[in-house]
PDB file of N, CA and C in Angstrom:
ATOM      1  N   MET A   1      43.299  12.236   9.024  1.00  0.00           N
ATOM      2  CA  MET A   1      42.861  11.004   8.371  1.00  0.00           C
ATOM      3  C   MET A   1      43.647  10.838   7.077  1.00  0.00           C
ATOM      4  N   CYS A   2      44.084   9.610   6.793  1.00  0.00           N
ATOM      5  CA  CYS A   2      44.840   9.366   5.572  1.00  0.00           C
ATOM      6  C   CYS A   2      43.913   9.463   4.357  1.00  0.00           C
ATOM      7  N   ARG A   3      44.503   9.582   3.205  1.00  0.00           N
ATOM      8  CA  ARG A   3      43.725   9.732   1.952  1.00  0.00           C
ATOM      9  C   ARG A   3      42.795   8.539   1.742  1.00  0.00           C
ATOM     10  N   ALA A   4      43.278   7.321   1.971  1.00  0.00           N
ATOM     11  CA  ALA A   4      42.450   6.134   1.777  1.00  0.00           C
ATOM     12  C   ALA A   4      41.234   6.172   2.703  1.00  0.00           C
ATOM     13  N   GLY A   5      41.458   6.593   3.945  1.00  0.00           N
ATOM     14  CA  GLY A   5      40.355   6.691   4.895  1.00  0.00           C
ATOM     15  C   GLY A   5      39.331   7.711   4.451  1.00  0.00           C
ATOM     16  N   ALA A   6      39.793   8.825   3.885  1.00  0.00           N
ATOM     17  CA  ALA A   6      38.886   9.862   3.397  1.00  0.00           C
ATOM     18  C   ALA A   6      38.061   9.354   2.221  1.00  0.00           C
ATOM     19  N   VAL A   7      38.699   8.605   1.343  1.00  0.00           N
ATOM     20  CA  VAL A   7      37.988   8.046   0.188  1.00  0.00           C
ATOM     21  C   VAL A   7      36.933   7.048   0.655  1.00  0.00           C
ATOM     22  N   ILE A   8      37.304   6.189   1.600  1.00  0.00           N
ATOM     23  CA  ILE A   8      36.354   5.211   2.126  1.00  0.00           C
ATOM     24  C   ILE A   8      35.181   5.923   2.786  1.00  0.00           C
ATOM     25  N   ARG A   9      35.483   6.950   3.568  1.00  0.00           N
ATOM     26  CA  ARG A   9      34.430   7.713   4.252  1.00  0.00           C
ATOM     27  C   ARG A   9      33.497   8.380   3.233  1.00  0.00           C
ATOM     28  N   GLU A  10      34.086   8.940   2.177  1.00  0.00           N
ATOM     29  CA  GLU A  10      33.292   9.605   1.143  1.00  0.00           C
ATOM     30  C   GLU A  10      32.384   8.595   0.445  1.00  0.00           C
ATOM     31  N   CYS A  11      32.921   7.421   0.126  1.00  0.00           N
ATOM     32  CA  CYS A  11      32.122   6.366  -0.518  1.00  0.00           C
ATOM     33  C   CYS A  11      30.991   5.914   0.406  1.00  0.00           C
ATOM     34  N   TYR A  12      31.301   5.759   1.691  1.00  0.00           N
ATOM     35  CA  TYR A  12      30.285   5.337   2.658  1.00  0.00           C
ATOM     36  C   TYR A  12      29.177   6.378   2.744  1.00  0.00           C
ATOM     37  N   ASP A  13      29.549   7.656   2.784  1.00  0.00           N
ATOM     38  CA  ASP A  13      28.558   8.730   2.848  1.00  0.00           C
ATOM     39  C   ASP A  13      27.676   8.731   1.605  1.00  0.00           C
ATOM     40  N   ASP A  14      28.294   8.531   0.428  1.00  0.00           N
ATOM     41  CA  ASP A  14      27.517   8.460  -0.816  1.00  0.00           C
ATOM     42  C   ASP A  14      26.540   7.295  -0.776  1.00  0.00           C
ATOM     43  N   LEU A  15      27.017   6.148  -0.313  1.00  0.00           N
ATOM     44  CA  LEU A  15      26.166   4.957  -0.234  1.00  0.00           C
ATOM     45  C   LEU A  15      25.024   5.186   0.748  1.00  0.00           C
ATOM     46  N   ALA A  16      25.310   5.791   1.885  1.00  0.00           N
ATOM     47  CA  ALA A  16      24.269   6.080   2.869  1.00  0.00           C
ATOM     48  C   ALA A  16      23.234   7.024   2.292  1.00  0.00           C
ATOM     49  N   MET A  17      23.664   8.018   1.535  1.00  0.00           N
ATOM     50  CA  MET A  17      22.731   8.969   0.927  1.00  0.00           C
ATOM     51  C   MET A  17      21.867   8.259  -0.109  1.00  0.00           C
ATOM     52  N   LYS A  18      22.492   7.425  -0.940  1.00  0.00           N
ATOM     53  CA  LYS A  18      21.728   6.687  -1.948  1.00  0.00           C
ATOM     54  C   LYS A  18      20.736   5.761  -1.277  1.00  0.00           C
ATOM     55  N   SER A  19      21.133   5.166  -0.185  1.00  0.00           N
ATOM     56  CA  SER A  19      20.248   4.276   0.538  1.00  0.00           C
ATOM     57  C   SER A  19      19.041   5.040   1.073  1.00  0.00           C
ATOM     58  N   LYS A  20      19.263   6.250   1.582  1.00  0.00           N
ATOM     59  CA  LYS A  20      18.161   7.069   2.087  1.00  0.00           C
ATOM     60  C   LYS A  20      17.224   7.465   0.959  1.00  0.00           C
ATOM     61  N   VAL A  21      17.797   7.807  -0.177  1.00  0.00           N
ATOM     62  CA  VAL A  21      16.989   8.180  -1.334  1.00  0.00           C
ATOM     63  C   VAL A  21      16.181   6.971  -1.817  1.00  0.00           C
ATOM     64  N   ALA A  22      16.831   5.820  -1.890  1.00  0.00           N
ATOM     65  CA  ALA A  22      16.147   4.605  -2.309  1.00  0.00           C
ATOM     66  C   ALA A  22      15.034   4.237  -1.335  1.00  0.00           C
ATOM     67  N   GLU A  23      15.302   4.379  -0.059  1.00  0.00           N
ATOM     68  CA  GLU A  23      14.305   4.077   0.966  1.00  0.00           C
ATOM     69  C   GLU A  23      13.074   4.969   0.817  1.00  0.00           C
ATOM     70  N   GLU A  24      13.302   6.242   0.602  1.00  0.00           N
ATOM     71  CA  GLU A  24      12.197   7.193   0.437  1.00  0.00           C
ATOM     72  C   GLU A  24      11.391   6.879  -0.827  1.00  0.00           C
ATOM     73  N   LEU A  25      12.092   6.584  -1.908  1.00  0.00           N
ATOM     74  CA  LEU A  25      11.418   6.241  -3.158  1.00  0.00           C
ATOM     75  C   LEU A  25      10.588   4.971  -2.991  1.00  0.00           C
ATOM     76  N   ARG A  26      11.158   3.972  -2.314  1.00  0.00           N
ATOM     77  CA  ARG A  26      10.446   2.715  -2.064  1.00  0.00           C
ATOM     78  C   ARG A  26       9.177   2.975  -1.247  1.00  0.00           C
ATOM     79  N   ARG A  27       9.282   3.805  -0.235  1.00  0.00           N
ATOM     80  CA  ARG A  27       8.139   4.121   0.615  1.00  0.00           C
ATOM     81  C   ARG A  27       7.039   4.826  -0.190  1.00  0.00           C
ATOM     82  N   GLU A  28       7.440   5.801  -1.000  1.00  0.00           N
ATOM     83  CA  GLU A  28       6.475   6.533  -1.820  1.00  0.00           C
ATOM     84  C   GLU A  28       5.796   5.619  -2.830  1.00  0.00           C
ATOM     85  N   THR A  29       6.575   4.731  -3.429  1.00  0.00           N
ATOM     86  CA  THR A  29       6.011   3.787  -4.400  1.00  0.00           C
ATOM     87  C   THR A  29       5.022   2.852  -3.725  1.00  0.00           C
ATOM     88  N   ASP A  30       5.390   2.315  -2.563  1.00  0.00           N
ATOM     89  CA  ASP A  30       4.490   1.427  -1.822  1.00  0.00           C
ATOM     90  C   ASP A  30       3.175   2.118  -1.495  1.00  0.00           C
ATOM     91  N   GLU A  31       3.259   3.362  -1.048  1.00  0.00           N
ATOM     92  CA  GLU A  31       2.051   4.117  -0.707  1.00  0.00           C
ATOM     93  C   GLU A  31       1.178   4.329  -1.946  1.00  0.00           C
ATOM     94  N   ALA A  32       1.800   4.674  -3.056  1.00  0.00           N
ATOM     95  CA  ALA A  32       1.047   4.914  -4.288  1.00  0.00           C
ATOM     96  C   ALA A  32       0.353   3.641  -4.765  1.00  0.00           C
ATOM     97  N   VAL A  33       1.043   2.511  -4.688  1.00  0.00           N
ATOM     98  CA  VAL A  33       0.453   1.246  -5.131  1.00  0.00           C
ATOM     99  C   VAL A  33      -0.678   0.830  -4.191  1.00  0.00           C
ATOM    100  N   ARG A  34      -0.499   1.030  -2.891  1.00  0.00           N
ATOM    101  CA  ARG A  34      -1.560   0.694  -1.937  1.00  0.00           C
ATOM    102  C   ARG A  34      -2.828   1.512  -2.171  1.00  0.00           C
ATOM    103  N   ALA A  35      -2.662   2.712  -2.692  1.00  0.00           N
ATOM    104  CA  ALA A  35      -3.808   3.585  -2.939  1.00  0.00           C
ATOM    105  C   ALA A  35      -4.568   3.202  -4.213  1.00  0.00           C
ATOM    106  N   MET A  36      -3.989   2.337  -5.039  1.00  0.00           N
ATOM    107  CA  MET A  36      -4.617   1.939  -6.309  1.00  0.00           C
ATOM    108  C   MET A  36      -5.702   0.897  -6.080  1.00  0.00           C
ATOM    109  N   THR A  37      -6.651   0.873  -7.006  1.00  0.00           N
ATOM    110  CA  THR A  37      -7.655  -0.192  -7.003  1.00  0.00           C
ATOM    111  C   THR A  37      -7.005  -1.445  -7.588  1.00  0.00           C
ATOM    112  N   MET A  38      -7.666  -2.574  -7.449  1.00  0.00           N
ATOM    113  CA  MET A  38      -7.132  -3.821  -8.003  1.00  0.00           C
ATOM    114  C   MET A  38      -6.983  -3.710  -9.523  1.00  0.00           C
ATOM    115  N   GLU A  39      -7.934  -3.071 -10.176  1.00  0.00           N
ATOM    116  CA  GLU A  39      -7.868  -2.910 -11.631  1.00  0.00           C
ATOM    117  C   GLU A  39      -6.670  -2.051 -12.027  1.00  0.00           C
ATOM    118  N   GLU A  40      -6.412  -1.002 -11.256  1.00  0.00           N
ATOM    119  CA  GLU A  40      -5.262  -0.137 -11.546  1.00  0.00           C
ATOM    120  C   GLU A  40      -3.949  -0.883 -11.335  1.00  0.00           C
ATOM    121  N   ARG A  41      -3.886  -1.704 -10.297  1.00  0.00           N
ATOM    122  CA  ARG A  41      -2.675  -2.497 -10.047  1.00  0.00           C
ATOM    123  C   ARG A  41      -2.434  -3.485 -11.176  1.00  0.00           C
ATOM    124  N   MET A  42      -3.516  -4.115 -11.636  1.00  0.00           N
ATOM    125  CA  MET A  42      -3.393  -5.084 -12.724  1.00  0.00           C
ATOM    126  C   MET A  42      -2.927  -4.383 -14.006  1.00  0.00           C
ATOM    127  N   ALA A  43      -3.492  -3.214 -14.289  1.00  0.00           N
ATOM    128  CA  ALA A  43      -3.087  -2.454 -15.474  1.00  0.00           C
ATOM    129  C   ALA A  43      -1.611  -2.054 -15.374  1.00  0.00           C
ATOM    130  N   LEU A  44      -1.183  -1.647 -14.183  1.00  0.00           N
ATOM    131  CA  LEU A  44       0.220  -1.293 -13.969  1.00  0.00           C
ATOM    132  C   LEU A  44       1.132  -2.493 -14.208  1.00  0.00           C
ATOM    133  N   ALA A  45       0.767  -3.632 -13.656  1.00  0.00           N
ATOM    134  CA  ALA A  45       1.580  -4.845 -13.824  1.00  0.00           C
ATOM    135  C   ALA A  45       1.693  -5.224 -15.297  1.00  0.00           C
ATOM    136  N   LEU A  46       0.593  -5.165 -16.009  1.00  0.00           N
ATOM    137  CA  LEU A  46       0.617  -5.513 -17.435  1.00  0.00           C
ATOM    138  C   LEU A  46       1.450  -4.507 -18.236  1.00  0.00           C
ATOM    139  N   ARG A  47       1.328  -3.219 -17.887  1.00  0.00           N
ATOM    140  CA  ARG A  47       2.108  -2.186 -18.575  1.00  0.00           C
ATOM    141  C   ARG A  47       3.600  -2.382 -18.323  1.00  0.00           C
ATOM    142  N   LEU A  48       3.970  -2.689 -17.082  1.00  0.00           N
ATOM    143  CA  LEU A  48       5.382  -2.913 -16.760  1.00  0.00           C
ATOM    144  C   LEU A  48       5.924  -4.136 -17.492  1.00  0.00           C
ATOM    145  N   GLY A  49       5.095  -5.180 -17.608  1.00  0.00           N
ATOM    146  CA  GLY A  49       5.509  -6.365 -18.359  1.00  0.00           C
ATOM    147  C   GLY A  49       5.738  -6.046 -19.826  1.00  0.00           C
ATOM    148  N   ASP A  50       4.819  -5.261 -20.411  1.00  0.00           N
ATOM    149  CA  ASP A  50       4.979  -4.853 -21.810  1.00  0.00           C
ATOM    150  C   ASP A  50       6.236  -4.011 -21.995  1.00  0.00           C
ATOM    151  N   GLU A  51       6.504  -3.123 -21.035  1.00  0.00           N
ATOM    152  CA  GLU A  51       7.708  -2.287 -21.122  1.00  0.00           C
ATOM    153  C   GLU A  51       8.974  -3.145 -21.031  1.00  0.00           C
ATOM    154  N   ALA A  52       8.951  -4.180 -20.202  1.00  0.00           N
ATOM    155  CA  ALA A  52      10.113  -5.066 -20.085  1.00  0.00           C
ATOM    156  C   ALA A  52      10.362  -5.788 -21.401  1.00  0.00           C
ATOM    157  N   ILE A  53       9.291  -6.235 -22.042  1.00  0.00           N
ATOM    158  CA  ILE A  53       9.421  -6.916 -23.337  1.00  0.00           C
ATOM    159  C   ILE A  53       9.976  -5.954 -24.383  1.00  0.00           C
ATOM    160  N   GLU A  54       9.421  -4.742 -24.436  1.00  0.00           N
ATOM    161  CA  GLU A  54       9.898  -3.736 -25.397  1.00  0.00           C
ATOM    162  C   GLU A  54      11.373  -3.398 -25.174  1.00  0.00           C
ATOM    163  N   THR A  55      11.754  -3.232 -23.915  1.00  0.00           N
ATOM    164  CA  THR A  55      13.136  -2.874 -23.583  1.00  0.00           C
ATOM    165  C   THR A  55      14.097  -3.984 -24.005  1.00  0.00           C
ATOM    166  N   LEU A  56      13.747  -5.233 -23.684  1.00  0.00           N
ATOM    167  CA  LEU A  56      14.602  -6.361 -24.060  1.00  0.00           C
ATOM    168  C   LEU A  56      14.691  -6.489 -25.574  1.00  0.00           C
ATOM    169  N   ALA A  57      13.564  -6.349 -26.258  1.00  0.00           N
ATOM    170  CA  ALA A  57      13.555  -6.448 -27.724  1.00  0.00           C
ATOM    171  C   ALA A  57      14.460  -5.379 -28.344  1.00  0.00           C
ATOM    172  N   ALA A  58      14.359  -4.157 -27.851  1.00  0.00           N
ATOM    173  CA  ALA A  58      15.186  -3.074 -28.390  1.00  0.00           C
ATOM    174  C   ALA A  58      16.666  -3.287 -28.075  1.00  0.00           C
ATOM    175  N   ALA A  59      16.955  -3.738 -26.851  1.00  0.00           N
ATOM    176  CA  ALA A  59      18.351  -3.925 -26.441  1.00  0.00           C
ATOM    177  C   ALA A  59      19.034  -5.040 -27.226  1.00  0.00           C
ATOM    178  N   ARG A  60      18.282  -6.079 -27.541  1.00  0.00           N
ATOM    179  CA  ARG A  60      18.884  -7.224 -28.236  1.00  0.00           C
ATOM    180  C   ARG A  60      18.624  -7.230 -29.732  1.00  0.00           C
ATOM    181  N   GLY A  61      17.816  -6.298 -30.203  1.00  0.00           N
ATOM    182  CA  GLY A  61      17.503  -6.254 -31.630  1.00  0.00           C
ATOM    183  C   GLY A  61      16.694  -7.451 -32.082  1.00  0.00           C
ATOM    184  N   ILE A  62      15.734  -7.862 -31.254  1.00  0.00           N
ATOM    185  CA  ILE A  62      14.888  -9.014 -31.576  1.00  0.00           C
ATOM    186  C   ILE A  62      13.425  -8.569 -31.583  1.00  0.00           C
ATOM    187  N   THR A  63      12.551  -9.452 -32.037  1.00  0.00           N
ATOM    188  CA  THR A  63      11.125  -9.123 -32.085  1.00  0.00           C
ATOM    189  C   THR A  63      10.519  -9.195 -30.687  1.00  0.00           C
ATOM    190  N   ARG A  64       9.320  -8.634 -30.547  1.00  0.00           N
ATOM    191  CA  ARG A  64       8.602  -8.693 -29.263  1.00  0.00           C
ATOM    192  C   ARG A  64       8.336 -10.144 -28.872  1.00  0.00           C
ATOM    193  N   ASP A  65       7.943 -10.971 -29.838  1.00  0.00           N
ATOM    194  CA  ASP A  65       7.668 -12.386 -29.528  1.00  0.00           C
ATOM    195  C   ASP A  65       8.913 -13.101 -29.038  1.00  0.00           C
ATOM    196  N   GLU A  66      10.049 -12.835 -29.691  1.00  0.00           N
ATOM    197  CA  GLU A  66      11.306 -13.445 -29.249  1.00  0.00           C
ATOM    198  C   GLU A  66      11.671 -12.969 -27.842  1.00  0.00           C
ATOM    199  N   ALA A  67      11.480 -11.689 -27.579  1.00  0.00           N
ATOM    200  CA  ALA A  67      11.789 -11.136 -26.255  1.00  0.00           C
ATOM    201  C   ALA A  67      10.885 -11.768 -25.193  1.00  0.00           C
ATOM    202  N   ARG A  68       9.603 -11.941 -25.503  1.00  0.00           N
ATOM    203  CA  ARG A  68       8.678 -12.570 -24.564  1.00  0.00           C
ATOM    204  C   ARG A  68       9.121 -14.001 -24.258  1.00  0.00           C
ATOM    205  N   ARG A  69       9.531 -14.738 -25.308  1.00  0.00           N
ATOM    206  CA  ARG A  69       9.999 -16.120 -25.102  1.00  0.00           C
ATOM    207  C   ARG A  69      11.264 -16.156 -24.253  1.00  0.00           C
ATOM    208  N   VAL A  70      12.177 -15.211 -24.485  1.00  0.00           N
ATOM    209  CA  VAL A  70      13.411 -15.146 -23.686  1.00  0.00           C
ATOM    210  C   VAL A  70      13.066 -14.927 -22.210  1.00  0.00           C
ATOM    211  N   LEU A  71      12.167 -13.987 -21.936  1.00  0.00           N
ATOM    212  CA  LEU A  71      11.787 -13.704 -20.549  1.00  0.00           C
ATOM    213  C   LEU A  71      11.080 -14.897 -19.912  1.00  0.00           C
ATOM    214  N   GLU A  72      10.220 -15.567 -20.653  1.00  0.00           N
ATOM    215  CA  GLU A  72       9.546 -16.751 -20.116  1.00  0.00           C
ATOM    216  C   GLU A  72      10.553 -17.850 -19.796  1.00  0.00           C
ATOM    217  N   LYS A  73      11.514 -18.040 -20.688  1.00  0.00           N
ATOM    218  CA  LYS A  73      12.522 -19.082 -20.476  1.00  0.00           C
ATOM    219  C   LYS A  73      13.404 -18.748 -19.277  1.00  0.00           C
ATOM    220  N   GLU A  74      13.803 -17.477 -19.141  1.00  0.00           N
ATOM    221  CA  GLU A  74      14.632 -17.071 -18.006  1.00  0.00           C
ATOM    222  C   GLU A  74      13.871 -17.212 -16.691  1.00  0.00           C
ATOM    223  N   LYS A  75      12.572 -17.012 -16.733  1.00  0.00           N
ATOM    224  CA  LYS A  75      11.753 -17.144 -15.529  1.00  0.00           C
ATOM    225  C   LYS A  75      11.769 -18.592 -15.031  1.00  0.00           C
ATOM    226  N   ARG A  76      11.860 -19.537 -15.972  1.00  0.00           N
ATOM    227  CA  ARG A  76      11.863 -20.957 -15.592  1.00  0.00           C
ATOM    228  C   ARG A  76      13.248 -21.483 -15.252  1.00  0.00           C
ATOM    229  N   HIS A  77      14.281 -20.693 -15.528  1.00  0.00           N
ATOM    230  CA  HIS A  77      15.663 -21.146 -15.297  1.00  0.00           C
ATOM    231  C   HIS A  77      15.848 -21.575 -13.838  1.00  0.00           C
ATOM    232  N   GLY A  78      16.422 -22.738 -13.653  1.00  0.00           N
ATOM    233  CA  GLY A  78      16.687 -23.230 -12.304  1.00  0.00           C
ATOM    234  C   GLY A  78      15.551 -24.043 -11.713  1.00  0.00           C
ATOM    235  N   ARG A  79      14.456 -24.118 -12.431  1.00  0.00           N
ATOM    236  CA  ARG A  79      13.334 -24.914 -11.928  1.00  0.00           C
ATOM    237  C   ARG A  79      13.525 -26.372 -12.318  1.00  0.00           C
ATOM    238  N   ARG A  80      12.714 -27.214 -11.761  1.00  0.00           N
ATOM    239  CA  ARG A  80      12.789 -28.651 -12.009  1.00  0.00           C
ATOM    240  C   ARG A  80      12.615 -28.954 -13.503  1.00  0.00           C
ATOM    241  N   TYR A  81      13.360 -29.930 -13.995  1.00  0.00           N
ATOM    242  CA  TYR A  81      13.318 -30.325 -15.398  1.00  0.00           C
ATOM    243  C   TYR A  81      11.912 -30.766 -15.795  1.00  0.00           C
ATOM    244  N   SER A  82      11.483 -30.338 -16.980  1.00  0.00           N
ATOM    245  CA  SER A  82      10.205 -30.754 -17.534  1.00  0.00           C
ATOM    246  C   SER A  82      10.361 -30.910 -19.043  1.00  0.00           C
ATOM    247  N   ARG A  83      10.187 -32.120 -19.539  1.00  0.00           N
ATOM    248  CA  ARG A  83      10.314 -32.362 -20.972  1.00  0.00           C
ATOM    249  C   ARG A  83       9.267 -31.553 -21.739  1.00  0.00           C
ATOM    250  N   CYS A  84       8.084 -31.458 -21.187  1.00  0.00           N
ATOM    251  CA  CYS A  84       7.003 -30.707 -21.822  1.00  0.00           C
ATOM    252  C   CYS A  84       7.427 -29.257 -22.073  1.00  0.00           C
ATOM    253  N   ILE A  85       7.947 -28.593 -21.053  1.00  0.00           N
ATOM    254  CA  ILE A  85       8.367 -27.199 -21.182  1.00  0.00           C
ATOM    255  C   ILE A  85       9.564 -27.094 -22.120  1.00  0.00           C
ATOM    256  N   GLU A  86      10.473 -28.028 -22.038  1.00  0.00           N
ATOM    257  CA  GLU A  86      11.641 -28.014 -22.906  1.00  0.00           C
ATOM    258  C   GLU A  86      11.217 -28.098 -24.370  1.00  0.00           C
ATOM    259  N   GLU A  87      10.232 -28.937 -24.660  1.00  0.00           N
ATOM    260  CA  GLU A  87       9.740 -29.061 -26.032  1.00  0.00           C
ATOM    261  C   GLU A  87       9.033 -27.778 -26.475  1.00  0.00           C
ATOM    262  N   LEU A  88       8.309 -27.132 -25.566  1.00  0.00           N
ATOM    263  CA  LEU A  88       7.664 -25.861 -25.895  1.00  0.00           C
ATOM    264  C   LEU A  88       8.698 -24.789 -26.212  1.00  0.00           C
ATOM    265  N   ASP A  89       9.831 -24.835 -25.509  1.00  0.00           N
ATOM    266  CA  ASP A  89      10.911 -23.875 -25.732  1.00  0.00           C
ATOM    267  C   ASP A  89      11.640 -24.146 -27.045  1.00  0.00           C
ATOM    268  N   GLY A  90      11.457 -25.334 -27.600  1.00  0.00           N
ATOM    269  CA  GLY A  90      12.153 -25.686 -28.828  1.00  0.00           C
ATOM    270  C   GLY A  90      13.514 -26.283 -28.597  1.00  0.00           C
ATOM    271  N   ASP A  91      13.831 -26.592 -27.342  1.00  0.00           N
ATOM    272  CA  ASP A  91      15.109 -27.217 -27.021  1.00  0.00           C
ATOM    273  C   ASP A  91      14.991 -28.718 -27.261  1.00  0.00           C
ATOM    274  N   SER A  92      16.116 -29.354 -27.491  1.00  0.00           N
ATOM    275  CA  SER A  92      16.092 -30.793 -27.668  1.00  0.00           C
ATOM    276  C   SER A  92      15.975 -31.468 -26.303  1.00  0.00           C
ATOM    277  N   PRO A  93      15.276 -32.611 -26.228  1.00  0.00           N
ATOM    278  CA  PRO A  93      15.176 -33.315 -24.949  1.00  0.00           C
ATOM    279  C   PRO A  93      16.534 -33.783 -24.462  1.00  0.00           C
ATOM    280  N   ARG A  94      16.621 -33.980 -23.148  1.00  0.00           N
ATOM    281  CA  ARG A  94      17.892 -34.417 -22.537  1.00  0.00           C
ATOM    282  C   ARG A  94      18.317 -35.764 -22.987  1.00  0.00           C
TER     283      ARG A  94
END
């Protein structure tokens, strides 16, 4: 096998292994979440949201409130135009 073929094969094997690891992790996570009560799931969701805000704030050097607004605005990106939401965001109307 030529060197390029060996490199491609090695990359494919690495990707297949990562895929297997990801698949197993996904399965374990799904099982763990299914075993939770509704209250535990809600607490997890809220904790993950808080962690996302903290991570964004730290990465960009902004406040938690600014990070929350950035995430809310990005969540609406691509949705239908709304003057009401645009005004809430502090953007100028179209």
